[in-house]
Amino acid sequence: MIQPQTILNVADNSGAKKLMCIRIIKTCNKRYAYIGDVIIAVIKEATPNASLEKSEIIMAVIVRICKETKRYNGLIIRYDHNAAVIIDQKGNPKGTRIFGVISIELRQLHFTKIIALAPEVL
């Protein structure tokens, strides 16, 4: 469960390392965000000489959460940390590589470019 003020890792090579959630968007007043939800976040840590800088406000889609999620087939999935991928206004990822496992629920939410860049889809 991601709510405002939650710190997330970045799962791509866009230049940011840590994000802090500010607002959950594309939902109707939900308190928490789950896998596939789009959030507005601020960059807390960034690599030097990157295109993204610290304290820049960006949009991101959540790809991993610590809270367990149950699928329709009865499988329960839980990750070790919270992670997000930085996207632009059209929903395309800003990075060219995705690190770590990505959940299959993103395919149903039409984030197919993130799925295509991921090394493993679970």
PDB file of N, CA and C in Angstrom:
ATOM      1  N   MET A   1       0.849  -1.171   0.000  1.00  0.00           N
ATOM      2  CA  MET A   1       0.000   0.000   0.000  1.00  0.00           C
ATOM      3  C   MET A   1       0.895   1.234   0.000  1.00  0.00           C
ATOM      4  N   ILE A   2       0.725   2.034  -0.993  1.00  0.00           N
ATOM      5  CA  ILE A   2       1.494   3.266  -1.118  1.00  0.00           C
ATOM      6  C   ILE A   2       0.553   4.427  -0.828  1.00  0.00           C
ATOM      7  N   GLN A   3       0.965   5.302   0.051  1.00  0.00           N
ATOM      8  CA  GLN A   3       0.188   6.489   0.363  1.00  0.00           C
ATOM      9  C   GLN A   3       1.120   7.689   0.283  1.00  0.00           C
ATOM     10  N   PRO A   4       0.590   8.901   0.347  1.00  0.00           N
ATOM     11  CA  PRO A   4       1.492  10.062   0.328  1.00  0.00           C
ATOM     12  C   PRO A   4       2.534   9.987   1.435  1.00  0.00           C
ATOM     13  N   GLN A   5       3.744  10.454   1.133  1.00  0.00           N
ATOM     14  CA  GLN A   5       4.930  10.444   1.987  1.00  0.00           C
ATOM     15  C   GLN A   5       5.655   9.100   1.997  1.00  0.00           C
ATOM     16  N   THR A   6       5.248   8.144   1.171  1.00  0.00           N
ATOM     17  CA  THR A   6       5.936   6.862   1.104  1.00  0.00           C
ATOM     18  C   THR A   6       7.161   6.985   0.208  1.00  0.00           C
ATOM     19  N   ILE A   7       8.281   6.408   0.641  1.00  0.00           N
ATOM     20  CA  ILE A   7       9.518   6.416  -0.128  1.00  0.00           C
ATOM     21  C   ILE A   7       9.557   5.147  -0.986  1.00  0.00           C
ATOM     22  N   LEU A   8       9.870   5.311  -2.282  1.00  0.00           N
ATOM     23  CA  LEU A   8       9.940   4.195  -3.215  1.00  0.00           C
ATOM     24  C   LEU A   8      11.296   4.168  -3.899  1.00  0.00           C
ATOM     25  N   ASN A   9      11.749   2.986  -4.273  1.00  0.00           N
ATOM     26  CA  ASN A   9      12.927   2.833  -5.121  1.00  0.00           C
ATOM     27  C   ASN A   9      12.517   3.023  -6.569  1.00  0.00           C
ATOM     28  N   VAL A  10      13.486   3.352  -7.417  1.00  0.00           N
ATOM     29  CA  VAL A  10      13.220   3.505  -8.846  1.00  0.00           C
ATOM     30  C   VAL A  10      13.733   2.258  -9.547  1.00  0.00           C
ATOM     31  N   ALA A  11      12.894   1.664 -10.403  1.00  0.00           N
ATOM     32  CA  ALA A  11      13.223   0.400 -11.051  1.00  0.00           C
ATOM     33  C   ALA A  11      13.674   0.585 -12.496  1.00  0.00           C
ATOM     34  N   ASP A  12      14.178   1.768 -12.863  1.00  0.00           N
ATOM     35  CA  ASP A  12      14.670   1.976 -14.223  1.00  0.00           C
ATOM     36  C   ASP A  12      15.952   2.803 -14.177  1.00  0.00           C
ATOM     37  N   ASN A  13      16.519   3.066 -15.346  1.00  0.00           N
ATOM     38  CA  ASN A  13      17.785   3.801 -15.416  1.00  0.00           C
ATOM     39  C   ASN A  13      17.586   5.249 -15.844  1.00  0.00           C
ATOM     40  N   SER A  14      16.543   5.886 -15.390  1.00  0.00           N
ATOM     41  CA  SER A  14      16.262   7.265 -15.770  1.00  0.00           C
ATOM     42  C   SER A  14      17.162   8.273 -15.060  1.00  0.00           C
ATOM     43  N   GLY A  15      17.808   7.890 -13.978  1.00  0.00           N
ATOM     44  CA  GLY A  15      18.705   8.792 -13.262  1.00  0.00           C
ATOM     45  C   GLY A  15      18.288   9.036 -11.833  1.00  0.00           C
ATOM     46  N   ALA A  16      17.061   8.758 -11.486  1.00  0.00           N
ATOM     47  CA  ALA A  16      16.589   8.906 -10.109  1.00  0.00           C
ATOM     48  C   ALA A  16      16.845   7.615  -9.342  1.00  0.00           C
ATOM     49  N   LYS A  17      17.008   7.737  -8.023  1.00  0.00           N
ATOM     50  CA  LYS A  17      17.224   6.554  -7.184  1.00  0.00           C
ATOM     51  C   LYS A  17      16.076   6.338  -6.209  1.00  0.00           C
ATOM     52  N   LYS A  18      15.610   7.414  -5.584  1.00  0.00           N
ATOM     53  CA  LYS A  18      14.534   7.334  -4.594  1.00  0.00           C
ATOM     54  C   LYS A  18      13.461   8.356  -4.936  1.00  0.00           C
ATOM     55  N   LEU A  19      12.206   7.957  -4.731  1.00  0.00           N
ATOM     56  CA  LEU A  19      11.055   8.834  -4.950  1.00  0.00           C
ATOM     57  C   LEU A  19      10.236   8.921  -3.673  1.00  0.00           C
ATOM     58  N   MET A  20       9.515  10.029  -3.528  1.00  0.00           N
ATOM     59  CA  MET A  20       8.537  10.129  -2.457  1.00  0.00           C
ATOM     60  C   MET A  20       7.184  10.454  -3.083  1.00  0.00           C
ATOM     61  N   CYS A  21       6.199   9.643  -2.768  1.00  0.00           N
ATOM     62  CA  CYS A  21       4.861   9.825  -3.326  1.00  0.00           C
ATOM     63  C   CYS A  21       4.237  11.105  -2.778  1.00  0.00           C
ATOM     64  N   ILE A  22       3.619  11.884  -3.667  1.00  0.00           N
ATOM     65  CA  ILE A  22       2.904  13.093  -3.259  1.00  0.00           C
ATOM     66  C   ILE A  22       1.402  12.897  -3.373  1.00  0.00           C
ATOM     67  N   ARG A  23       0.965  12.343  -4.511  1.00  0.00           N
ATOM     68  CA  ARG A  23      -0.465  12.217  -4.773  1.00  0.00           C
ATOM     69  C   ARG A  23      -0.717  10.983  -5.622  1.00  0.00           C
ATOM     70  N   ILE A  24      -1.834  10.338  -5.387  1.00  0.00           N
ATOM     71  CA  ILE A  24      -2.269   9.198  -6.196  1.00  0.00           C
ATOM     72  C   ILE A  24      -3.263   9.739  -7.217  1.00  0.00           C
ATOM     73  N   ILE A  25      -2.990   9.503  -8.504  1.00  0.00           N
ATOM     74  CA  ILE A  25      -3.890  10.013  -9.532  1.00  0.00           C
ATOM     75  C   ILE A  25      -4.504   8.853 -10.310  1.00  0.00           C
ATOM     76  N   LYS A  26      -5.429   9.186 -11.175  1.00  0.00           N
ATOM     77  CA  LYS A  26      -6.176   8.234 -11.999  1.00  0.00           C
ATOM     78  C   LYS A  26      -6.960   7.247 -11.147  1.00  0.00           C
ATOM     79  N   THR A  27      -7.337   7.659  -9.972  1.00  0.00           N
ATOM     80  CA  THR A  27      -8.218   6.880  -9.113  1.00  0.00           C
ATOM     81  C   THR A  27      -9.206   7.849  -8.495  1.00  0.00           C
ATOM     82  N   CYS A  28     -10.307   7.357  -8.016  1.00  0.00           N
ATOM     83  CA  CYS A  28     -11.297   8.256  -7.443  1.00  0.00           C
ATOM     84  C   CYS A  28     -11.167   8.258  -5.921  1.00  0.00           C
ATOM     85  N   ASN A  29     -10.331   9.143  -5.418  1.00  0.00           N
ATOM     86  CA  ASN A  29     -10.127   9.373  -3.987  1.00  0.00           C
ATOM     87  C   ASN A  29      -9.781   8.115  -3.202  1.00  0.00           C
ATOM     88  N   LYS A  30      -8.920   7.274  -3.756  1.00  0.00           N
ATOM     89  CA  LYS A  30      -8.440   6.134  -2.995  1.00  0.00           C
ATOM     90  C   LYS A  30      -7.337   6.605  -2.058  1.00  0.00           C
ATOM     91  N   ARG A  31      -7.276   5.972  -0.902  1.00  0.00           N
ATOM     92  CA  ARG A  31      -6.269   6.361   0.075  1.00  0.00           C
ATOM     93  C   ARG A  31      -4.919   5.728  -0.221  1.00  0.00           C
ATOM     94  N   TYR A  32      -4.931   4.528  -0.775  1.00  0.00           N
ATOM     95  CA  TYR A  32      -3.703   3.792  -1.033  1.00  0.00           C
ATOM     96  C   TYR A  32      -3.585   3.479  -2.522  1.00  0.00           C
ATOM     97  N   ALA A  33      -2.342   3.350  -2.975  1.00  0.00           N
ATOM     98  CA  ALA A  33      -2.080   2.964  -4.358  1.00  0.00           C
ATOM     99  C   ALA A  33      -1.502   1.553  -4.367  1.00  0.00           C
ATOM    100  N   TYR A  34      -1.826   0.808  -5.387  1.00  0.00           N
ATOM    101  CA  TYR A  34      -1.362  -0.563  -5.531  1.00  0.00           C
ATOM    102  C   TYR A  34      -0.614  -0.697  -6.851  1.00  0.00           C
ATOM    103  N   ILE A  35      -0.276  -1.905  -7.254  1.00  0.00           N
ATOM    104  CA  ILE A  35       0.467  -2.145  -8.482  1.00  0.00           C
ATOM    105  C   ILE A  35      -0.351  -1.649  -9.684  1.00  0.00           C
ATOM    106  N   GLY A  36       0.293  -0.861 -10.535  1.00  0.00           N
ATOM    107  CA  GLY A  36      -0.353  -0.347 -11.720  1.00  0.00           C
ATOM    108  C   GLY A  36      -0.955   1.035 -11.568  1.00  0.00           C
ATOM    109  N   ASP A  37      -1.014   1.570 -10.360  1.00  0.00           N
ATOM    110  CA  ASP A  37      -1.559   2.910 -10.159  1.00  0.00           C
ATOM    111  C   ASP A  37      -0.508   3.956 -10.500  1.00  0.00           C
ATOM    112  N   VAL A  38      -0.963   5.083 -11.021  1.00  0.00           N
ATOM    113  CA  VAL A  38      -0.078   6.182 -11.387  1.00  0.00           C
ATOM    114  C   VAL A  38      -0.054   7.174 -10.233  1.00  0.00           C
ATOM    115  N   ILE A  39       1.144   7.608  -9.875  1.00  0.00           N
ATOM    116  CA  ILE A  39       1.299   8.559  -8.785  1.00  0.00           C
ATOM    117  C   ILE A  39       2.100   9.767  -9.259  1.00  0.00           C
ATOM    118  N   ILE A  40       1.997  10.845  -8.515  1.00  0.00           N
ATOM    119  CA  ILE A  40       2.869  12.002  -8.695  1.00  0.00           C
ATOM    120  C   ILE A  40       3.881  11.930  -7.558  1.00  0.00           C
ATOM    121  N   ALA A  41       5.153  12.056  -7.894  1.00  0.00           N
ATOM    122  CA  ALA A  41       6.208  11.891  -6.902  1.00  0.00           C
ATOM    123  C   ALA A  41       7.268  12.961  -7.075  1.00  0.00           C
ATOM    124  N   VAL A  42       8.060  13.126  -6.032  1.00  0.00           N
ATOM    125  CA  VAL A  42       9.204  14.028  -6.077  1.00  0.00           C
ATOM    126  C   VAL A  42      10.467  13.183  -5.925  1.00  0.00           C
ATOM    127  N   ILE A  43      11.503  13.562  -6.638  1.00  0.00           N
ATOM    128  CA  ILE A  43      12.758  12.823  -6.604  1.00  0.00           C
ATOM    129  C   ILE A  43      13.535  13.235  -5.352  1.00  0.00           C
ATOM    130  N   LYS A  44      13.882  12.253  -4.524  1.00  0.00           N
ATOM    131  CA  LYS A  44      14.636  12.511  -3.300  1.00  0.00           C
ATOM    132  C   LYS A  44      16.132  12.277  -3.481  1.00  0.00           C
ATOM    133  N   GLU A  45      16.508  11.308  -4.304  1.00  0.00           N
ATOM    134  CA  GLU A  45      17.920  11.047  -4.610  1.00  0.00           C
ATOM    135  C   GLU A  45      18.046  10.847  -6.111  1.00  0.00           C
ATOM    136  N   ALA A  46      19.120  11.381  -6.673  1.00  0.00           N
ATOM    137  CA  ALA A  46      19.367  11.217  -8.110  1.00  0.00           C
ATOM    138  C   ALA A  46      20.863  11.029  -8.338  1.00  0.00           C
ATOM    139  N   THR A  47      21.200  10.383  -9.447  1.00  0.00           N
ATOM    140  CA  THR A  47      22.606  10.223  -9.801  1.00  0.00           C
ATOM    141  C   THR A  47      23.117  11.534 -10.383  1.00  0.00           C
ATOM    142  N   PRO A  48      24.394  11.842 -10.178  1.00  0.00           N
ATOM    143  CA  PRO A  48      24.923  13.080 -10.753  1.00  0.00           C
ATOM    144  C   PRO A  48      24.988  12.998 -12.277  1.00  0.00           C
ATOM    145  N   ASN A  49      24.879  14.136 -12.921  1.00  0.00           N
ATOM    146  CA  ASN A  49      24.932  14.282 -14.375  1.00  0.00           C
ATOM    147  C   ASN A  49      23.825  13.500 -15.078  1.00  0.00           C
ATOM    148  N   ALA A  50      22.662  13.394 -14.459  1.00  0.00           N
ATOM    149  CA  ALA A  50      21.531  12.709 -15.078  1.00  0.00           C
ATOM    150  C   ALA A  50      20.543  13.754 -15.600  1.00  0.00           C
ATOM    151  N   SER A  51      19.620  13.300 -16.432  1.00  0.00           N
ATOM    152  CA  SER A  51      18.632  14.229 -16.980  1.00  0.00           C
ATOM    153  C   SER A  51      17.604  14.646 -15.935  1.00  0.00           C
ATOM    154  N   LEU A  52      17.383  13.822 -14.928  1.00  0.00           N
ATOM    155  CA  LEU A  52      16.469  14.152 -13.840  1.00  0.00           C
ATOM    156  C   LEU A  52      17.266  14.644 -12.639  1.00  0.00           C
ATOM    157  N   GLU A  53      16.732  15.648 -11.952  1.00  0.00           N
ATOM    158  CA  GLU A  53      17.433  16.232 -10.820  1.00  0.00           C
ATOM    159  C   GLU A  53      16.646  16.043  -9.539  1.00  0.00           C
ATOM    160  N   LYS A  54      17.316  16.240  -8.430  1.00  0.00           N
ATOM    161  CA  LYS A  54      16.688  16.157  -7.124  1.00  0.00           C
ATOM    162  C   LYS A  54      15.628  17.250  -7.001  1.00  0.00           C
ATOM    163  N   SER A  55      14.543  16.942  -6.322  1.00  0.00           N
ATOM    164  CA  SER A  55      13.390  17.818  -6.056  1.00  0.00           C
ATOM    165  C   SER A  55      12.575  18.126  -7.317  1.00  0.00           C
ATOM    166  N   GLU A  56      12.719  17.323  -8.348  1.00  0.00           N
ATOM    167  CA  GLU A  56      11.895  17.472  -9.554  1.00  0.00           C
ATOM    168  C   GLU A  56      10.623  16.641  -9.385  1.00  0.00           C
ATOM    169  N   ILE A  57       9.499  17.179  -9.815  1.00  0.00           N
ATOM    170  CA  ILE A  57       8.219  16.486  -9.684  1.00  0.00           C
ATOM    171  C   ILE A  57       7.941  15.725 -10.981  1.00  0.00           C
ATOM    172  N   ILE A  58       7.631  14.439 -10.832  1.00  0.00           N
ATOM    173  CA  ILE A  58       7.441  13.559 -11.986  1.00  0.00           C
ATOM    174  C   ILE A  58       6.227  12.657 -11.772  1.00  0.00           C
ATOM    175  N   MET A  59       5.858  11.937 -12.826  1.00  0.00           N
ATOM    176  CA  MET A  59       4.821  10.915 -12.732  1.00  0.00           C
ATOM    177  C   MET A  59       5.493   9.550 -12.761  1.00  0.00           C
ATOM    178  N   ALA A  60       4.915   8.600 -12.026  1.00  0.00           N
ATOM    179  CA  ALA A  60       5.484   7.258 -11.968  1.00  0.00           C
ATOM    180  C   ALA A  60       4.362   6.243 -11.842  1.00  0.00           C
ATOM    181  N   VAL A  61       4.631   5.030 -12.285  1.00  0.00           N
ATOM    182  CA  VAL A  61       3.690   3.924 -12.128  1.00  0.00           C
ATOM    183  C   VAL A  61       4.316   2.908 -11.177  1.00  0.00           C
ATOM    184  N   ILE A  62       3.523   2.404 -10.262  1.00  0.00           N
ATOM    185  CA  ILE A  62       4.011   1.485  -9.248  1.00  0.00           C
ATOM    186  C   ILE A  62       4.118   0.087  -9.853  1.00  0.00           C
ATOM    187  N   VAL A  63       5.277  -0.550  -9.689  1.00  0.00           N
ATOM    188  CA  VAL A  63       5.494  -1.882 -10.247  1.00  0.00           C
ATOM    189  C   VAL A  63       5.687  -2.952  -9.186  1.00  0.00           C
ATOM    190  N   ARG A  64       6.097  -2.586  -7.968  1.00  0.00           N
ATOM    191  CA  ARG A  64       6.260  -3.545  -6.875  1.00  0.00           C
ATOM    192  C   ARG A  64       5.840  -2.881  -5.571  1.00  0.00           C
ATOM    193  N   ILE A  65       5.137  -3.646  -4.704  1.00  0.00           N
ATOM    194  CA  ILE A  65       4.799  -3.160  -3.367  1.00  0.00           C
ATOM    195  C   ILE A  65       5.057  -4.266  -2.350  1.00  0.00           C
ATOM    196  N   CYS A  66       5.305  -3.853  -1.124  1.00  0.00           N
ATOM    197  CA  CYS A  66       5.576  -4.823  -0.047  1.00  0.00           C
ATOM    198  C   CYS A  66       4.307  -5.538   0.402  1.00  0.00           C
ATOM    199  N   LYS A  67       3.181  -4.878   0.294  1.00  0.00           N
ATOM    200  CA  LYS A  67       1.918  -5.477   0.707  1.00  0.00           C
ATOM    201  C   LYS A  67       1.558  -6.617  -0.235  1.00  0.00           C
ATOM    202  N   GLU A  68       1.122  -7.742   0.318  1.00  0.00           N
ATOM    203  CA  GLU A  68       0.796  -8.891  -0.522  1.00  0.00           C
ATOM    204  C   GLU A  68      -0.476  -8.614  -1.323  1.00  0.00           C
ATOM    205  N   THR A  69      -0.474  -9.081  -2.573  1.00  0.00           N
ATOM    206  CA  THR A  69      -1.632  -8.960  -3.450  1.00  0.00           C
ATOM    207  C   THR A  69      -2.064 -10.351  -3.879  1.00  0.00           C
ATOM    208  N   LYS A  70      -3.352 -10.559  -3.929  1.00  0.00           N
ATOM    209  CA  LYS A  70      -3.892 -11.865  -4.282  1.00  0.00           C
ATOM    210  C   LYS A  70      -4.439 -11.805  -5.703  1.00  0.00           C
ATOM    211  N   ARG A  71      -4.083 -12.796  -6.486  1.00  0.00           N
ATOM    212  CA  ARG A  71      -4.574 -12.884  -7.858  1.00  0.00           C
ATOM    213  C   ARG A  71      -5.830 -13.749  -7.897  1.00  0.00           C
ATOM    214  N   TYR A  72      -6.478 -13.738  -9.056  1.00  0.00           N
ATOM    215  CA  TYR A  72      -7.725 -14.499  -9.205  1.00  0.00           C
ATOM    216  C   TYR A  72      -7.515 -16.008  -9.103  1.00  0.00           C
ATOM    217  N   ASN A  73      -6.327 -16.488  -9.456  1.00  0.00           N
ATOM    218  CA  ASN A  73      -6.067 -17.925  -9.378  1.00  0.00           C
ATOM    219  C   ASN A  73      -5.646 -18.372  -7.978  1.00  0.00           C
ATOM    220  N   GLY A  74      -5.635 -17.471  -6.994  1.00  0.00           N
ATOM    221  CA  GLY A  74      -5.315 -17.810  -5.623  1.00  0.00           C
ATOM    222  C   GLY A  74      -3.876 -17.582  -5.234  1.00  0.00           C
ATOM    223  N   LEU A  75      -3.034 -17.179  -6.170  1.00  0.00           N
ATOM    224  CA  LEU A  75      -1.620 -16.945  -5.905  1.00  0.00           C
ATOM    225  C   LEU A  75      -1.449 -15.624  -5.163  1.00  0.00           C
ATOM    226  N   ILE A  76      -0.667 -15.627  -4.101  1.00  0.00           N
ATOM    227  CA  ILE A  76      -0.387 -14.411  -3.336  1.00  0.00           C
ATOM    228  C   ILE A  76       1.050 -14.003  -3.607  1.00  0.00           C
ATOM    229  N   ILE A  77       1.240 -12.727  -3.984  1.00  0.00           N
ATOM    230  CA  ILE A  77       2.560 -12.225  -4.348  1.00  0.00           C
ATOM    231  C   ILE A  77       2.931 -11.073  -3.424  1.00  0.00           C
ATOM    232  N   ARG A  78       4.175 -11.111  -2.921  1.00  0.00           N
ATOM    233  CA  ARG A  78       4.682 -10.031  -2.072  1.00  0.00           C
ATOM    234  C   ARG A  78       6.139  -9.787  -2.453  1.00  0.00           C
ATOM    235  N   TYR A  79       6.525  -8.526  -2.567  1.00  0.00           N
ATOM    236  CA  TYR A  79       7.894  -8.153  -2.922  1.00  0.00           C
ATOM    237  C   TYR A  79       8.627  -7.634  -1.691  1.00  0.00           C
ATOM    238  N   ASP A  80       9.941  -7.503  -1.791  1.00  0.00           N
ATOM    239  CA  ASP A  80      10.753  -7.066  -0.667  1.00  0.00           C
ATOM    240  C   ASP A  80      10.728  -5.554  -0.462  1.00  0.00           C
ATOM    241  N   HIS A  81      10.480  -4.787  -1.518  1.00  0.00           N
ATOM    242  CA  HIS A  81      10.514  -3.336  -1.392  1.00  0.00           C
ATOM    243  C   HIS A  81       9.509  -2.714  -2.351  1.00  0.00           C
ATOM    244  N   ASN A  82       9.217  -1.451  -2.137  1.00  0.00           N
ATOM    245  CA  ASN A  82       8.334  -0.692  -3.017  1.00  0.00           C
ATOM    246  C   ASN A  82       9.166  -0.116  -4.152  1.00  0.00           C
ATOM    247  N   ALA A  83       8.656  -0.195  -5.372  1.00  0.00           N
ATOM    248  CA  ALA A  83       9.398   0.317  -6.523  1.00  0.00           C
ATOM    249  C   ALA A  83       8.432   0.899  -7.549  1.00  0.00           C
ATOM    250  N   ALA A  84       8.939   1.865  -8.317  1.00  0.00           N
ATOM    251  CA  ALA A  84       8.142   2.525  -9.346  1.00  0.00           C
ATOM    252  C   ALA A  84       9.006   2.780 -10.574  1.00  0.00           C
ATOM    253  N   VAL A  85       8.359   2.991 -11.709  1.00  0.00           N
ATOM    254  CA  VAL A  85       9.020   3.331 -12.964  1.00  0.00           C
ATOM    255  C   VAL A  85       8.540   4.721 -13.367  1.00  0.00           C
ATOM    256  N   ILE A  86       9.472   5.598 -13.709  1.00  0.00           N
ATOM    257  CA  ILE A  86       9.142   6.972 -14.091  1.00  0.00           C
ATOM    258  C   ILE A  86       8.600   6.969 -15.509  1.00  0.00           C
ATOM    259  N   ILE A  87       7.463   7.650 -15.709  1.00  0.00           N
ATOM    260  CA  ILE A  87       6.827   7.711 -17.024  1.00  0.00           C
ATOM    261  C   ILE A  87       6.623   9.163 -17.427  1.00  0.00           C
ATOM    262  N   ASP A  88       6.327   9.370 -18.723  1.00  0.00           N
ATOM    263  CA  ASP A  88       5.993  10.709 -19.205  1.00  0.00           C
ATOM    264  C   ASP A  88       4.474  10.863 -19.267  1.00  0.00           C
ATOM    265  N   GLN A  89       4.002  11.936 -19.873  1.00  0.00           N
ATOM    266  CA  GLN A  89       2.566  12.209 -19.910  1.00  0.00           C
ATOM    267  C   GLN A  89       1.790  11.176 -20.719  1.00  0.00           C
ATOM    268  N   LYS A  90       2.431  10.545 -21.693  1.00  0.00           N
ATOM    269  CA  LYS A  90       1.753   9.548 -22.525  1.00  0.00           C
ATOM    270  C   LYS A  90       1.783   8.149 -21.926  1.00  0.00           C
ATOM    271  N   GLY A  91       2.516   7.961 -20.839  1.00  0.00           N
ATOM    272  CA  GLY A  91       2.608   6.647 -20.210  1.00  0.00           C
ATOM    273  C   GLY A  91       3.795   5.826 -20.642  1.00  0.00           C
ATOM    274  N   ASN A  92       4.712   6.418 -21.401  1.00  0.00           N
ATOM    275  CA  ASN A  92       5.919   5.721 -21.836  1.00  0.00           C
ATOM    276  C   ASN A  92       7.011   5.887 -20.790  1.00  0.00           C
ATOM    277  N   PRO A  93       7.819   4.861 -20.546  1.00  0.00           N
ATOM    278  CA  PRO A  93       8.886   4.997 -19.540  1.00  0.00           C
ATOM    279  C   PRO A  93       9.991   5.931 -20.021  1.00  0.00           C
ATOM    280  N   LYS A  94      10.562   6.710 -19.091  1.00  0.00           N
ATOM    281  CA  LYS A  94      11.647   7.622 -19.450  1.00  0.00           C
ATOM    282  C   LYS A  94      12.975   6.902 -19.555  1.00  0.00           C
ATOM    283  N   GLY A  95      13.155   5.825 -18.821  1.00  0.00           N
ATOM    284  CA  GLY A  95      14.387   5.050 -18.889  1.00  0.00           C
ATOM    285  C   GLY A  95      14.360   4.074 -20.055  1.00  0.00           C
ATOM    286  N   THR A  96      15.538   3.548 -20.356  1.00  0.00           N
ATOM    287  CA  THR A  96      15.635   2.582 -21.454  1.00  0.00           C
ATOM    288  C   THR A  96      15.772   1.152 -20.964  1.00  0.00           C
ATOM    289  N   ARG A  97      15.970   0.974 -19.658  1.00  0.00           N
ATOM    290  CA  ARG A  97      16.073  -0.363 -19.071  1.00  0.00           C
ATOM    291  C   ARG A  97      15.227  -0.407 -17.804  1.00  0.00           C
ATOM    292  N   ILE A  98      14.695  -1.575 -17.519  1.00  0.00           N
ATOM    293  CA  ILE A  98      13.933  -1.813 -16.302  1.00  0.00           C
ATOM    294  C   ILE A  98      14.687  -2.863 -15.498  1.00  0.00           C
ATOM    295  N   PHE A  99      14.828  -2.630 -14.194  1.00  0.00           N
ATOM    296  CA  PHE A  99      15.544  -3.557 -13.325  1.00  0.00           C
ATOM    297  C   PHE A  99      14.560  -4.315 -12.457  1.00  0.00           C
ATOM    298  N   GLY A 100      14.783  -5.598 -12.310  1.00  0.00           N
ATOM    299  CA  GLY A 100      13.978  -6.414 -11.411  1.00  0.00           C
ATOM    300  C   GLY A 100      12.738  -6.989 -12.068  1.00  0.00           C
ATOM    301  N   VAL A 101      11.972  -7.670 -11.251  1.00  0.00           N
ATOM    302  CA  VAL A 101      10.763  -8.359 -11.704  1.00  0.00           C
ATOM    303  C   VAL A 101       9.613  -7.362 -11.803  1.00  0.00           C
ATOM    304  N   ILE A 102       8.799  -7.511 -12.847  1.00  0.00           N
ATOM    305  CA  ILE A 102       7.624  -6.670 -13.050  1.00  0.00           C
ATOM    306  C   ILE A 102       6.393  -7.563 -12.993  1.00  0.00           C
ATOM    307  N   SER A 103       5.332  -7.064 -12.393  1.00  0.00           N
ATOM    308  CA  SER A 103       4.108  -7.842 -12.234  1.00  0.00           C
ATOM    309  C   SER A 103       3.312  -7.879 -13.536  1.00  0.00           C
ATOM    310  N   ILE A 104       2.620  -8.979 -13.777  1.00  0.00           N
ATOM    311  CA  ILE A 104       1.848  -9.176 -15.007  1.00  0.00           C
ATOM    312  C   ILE A 104       0.614  -8.278 -15.054  1.00  0.00           C
ATOM    313  N   GLU A 105       0.184  -7.741 -13.920  1.00  0.00           N
ATOM    314  CA  GLU A 105      -0.997  -6.881 -13.892  1.00  0.00           C
ATOM    315  C   GLU A 105      -0.812  -5.605 -14.717  1.00  0.00           C
ATOM    316  N   LEU A 106       0.437  -5.208 -14.976  1.00  0.00           N
ATOM    317  CA  LEU A 106       0.689  -4.016 -15.785  1.00  0.00           C
ATOM    318  C   LEU A 106       0.262  -4.214 -17.236  1.00  0.00           C
ATOM    319  N   ARG A 107       0.270  -5.443 -17.721  1.00  0.00           N
ATOM    320  CA  ARG A 107      -0.163  -5.707 -19.091  1.00  0.00           C
ATOM    321  C   ARG A 107      -1.653  -5.435 -19.253  1.00  0.00           C
ATOM    322  N   GLN A 108      -2.443  -5.776 -18.252  1.00  0.00           N
ATOM    323  CA  GLN A 108      -3.874  -5.530 -18.316  1.00  0.00           C
ATOM    324  C   GLN A 108      -4.195  -4.043 -18.229  1.00  0.00           C
ATOM    325  N   LEU A 109      -3.282  -3.252 -17.658  1.00  0.00           N
ATOM    326  CA  LEU A 109      -3.480  -1.810 -17.518  1.00  0.00           C
ATOM    327  C   LEU A 109      -2.830  -1.027 -18.655  1.00  0.00           C
ATOM    328  N   HIS A 110      -2.392  -1.726 -19.713  1.00  0.00           N
ATOM    329  CA  HIS A 110      -1.866  -1.139 -20.955  1.00  0.00           C
ATOM    330  C   HIS A 110      -0.537  -0.411 -20.769  1.00  0.00           C
ATOM    331  N   PHE A 111       0.331  -0.912 -19.892  1.00  0.00           N
ATOM    332  CA  PHE A 111       1.701  -0.434 -19.790  1.00  0.00           C
ATOM    333  C   PHE A 111       2.603  -1.439 -20.500  1.00  0.00           C
ATOM    334  N   THR A 112       2.345  -1.661 -21.788  1.00  0.00           N
ATOM    335  CA  THR A 112       3.034  -2.711 -22.532  1.00  0.00           C
ATOM    336  C   THR A 112       4.503  -2.388 -22.791  1.00  0.00           C
ATOM    337  N   LYS A 113       4.868  -1.111 -22.874  1.00  0.00           N
ATOM    338  CA  LYS A 113       6.278  -0.773 -23.101  1.00  0.00           C
ATOM    339  C   LYS A 113       7.122  -1.081 -21.876  1.00  0.00           C
ATOM    340  N   ILE A 114       6.551  -0.949 -20.700  1.00  0.00           N
ATOM    341  CA  ILE A 114       7.267  -1.326 -19.483  1.00  0.00           C
ATOM    342  C   ILE A 114       7.451  -2.837 -19.444  1.00  0.00           C
ATOM    343  N   ILE A 115       6.412  -3.566 -19.827  1.00  0.00           N
ATOM    344  CA  ILE A 115       6.488  -5.039 -19.863  1.00  0.00           C
ATOM    345  C   ILE A 115       7.540  -5.488 -20.878  1.00  0.00           C
ATOM    346  N   ALA A 116       7.627  -4.797 -22.014  1.00  0.00           N
ATOM    347  CA  ALA A 116       8.584  -5.185 -23.051  1.00  0.00           C
ATOM    348  C   ALA A 116      10.035  -4.961 -22.611  1.00  0.00           C
ATOM    349  N   LEU A 117      10.289  -3.943 -21.780  1.00  0.00           N
ATOM    350  CA  LEU A 117      11.638  -3.655 -21.327  1.00  0.00           C
ATOM    351  C   LEU A 117      12.062  -4.503 -20.133  1.00  0.00           C
ATOM    352  N   ALA A 118      11.123  -5.123 -19.462  1.00  0.00           N
ATOM    353  CA  ALA A 118      11.427  -5.855 -18.223  1.00  0.00           C
ATOM    354  C   ALA A 118      12.153  -7.161 -18.516  1.00  0.00           C
ATOM    355  N   PRO A 119      13.151  -7.509 -17.690  1.00  0.00           N
ATOM    356  CA  PRO A 119      13.855  -8.775 -17.900  1.00  0.00           C
ATOM    357  C   PRO A 119      13.030  -9.988 -17.508  1.00  0.00           C
ATOM    358  N   GLU A 120      12.117  -9.817 -16.547  1.00  0.00           N
ATOM    359  CA  GLU A 120      11.296 -10.939 -16.093  1.00  0.00           C
ATOM    360  C   GLU A 120       9.917 -10.418 -15.688  1.00  0.00           C
ATOM    361  N   VAL A 121       8.884 -11.118 -16.137  1.00  0.00           N
ATOM    362  CA  VAL A 121       7.508 -10.750 -15.803  1.00  0.00           C
ATOM    363  C   VAL A 121       6.928 -11.876 -14.969  1.00  0.00           C
ATOM    364  N   LEU A 122       6.414 -11.530 -13.789  1.00  0.00           N
ATOM    365  CA  LEU A 122       5.902 -12.539 -12.875  1.00  0.00           C
ATOM    366  C   LEU A 122       4.403 -12.410 -12.743  1.00  0.00           C
TER     367      LEU A 122
END
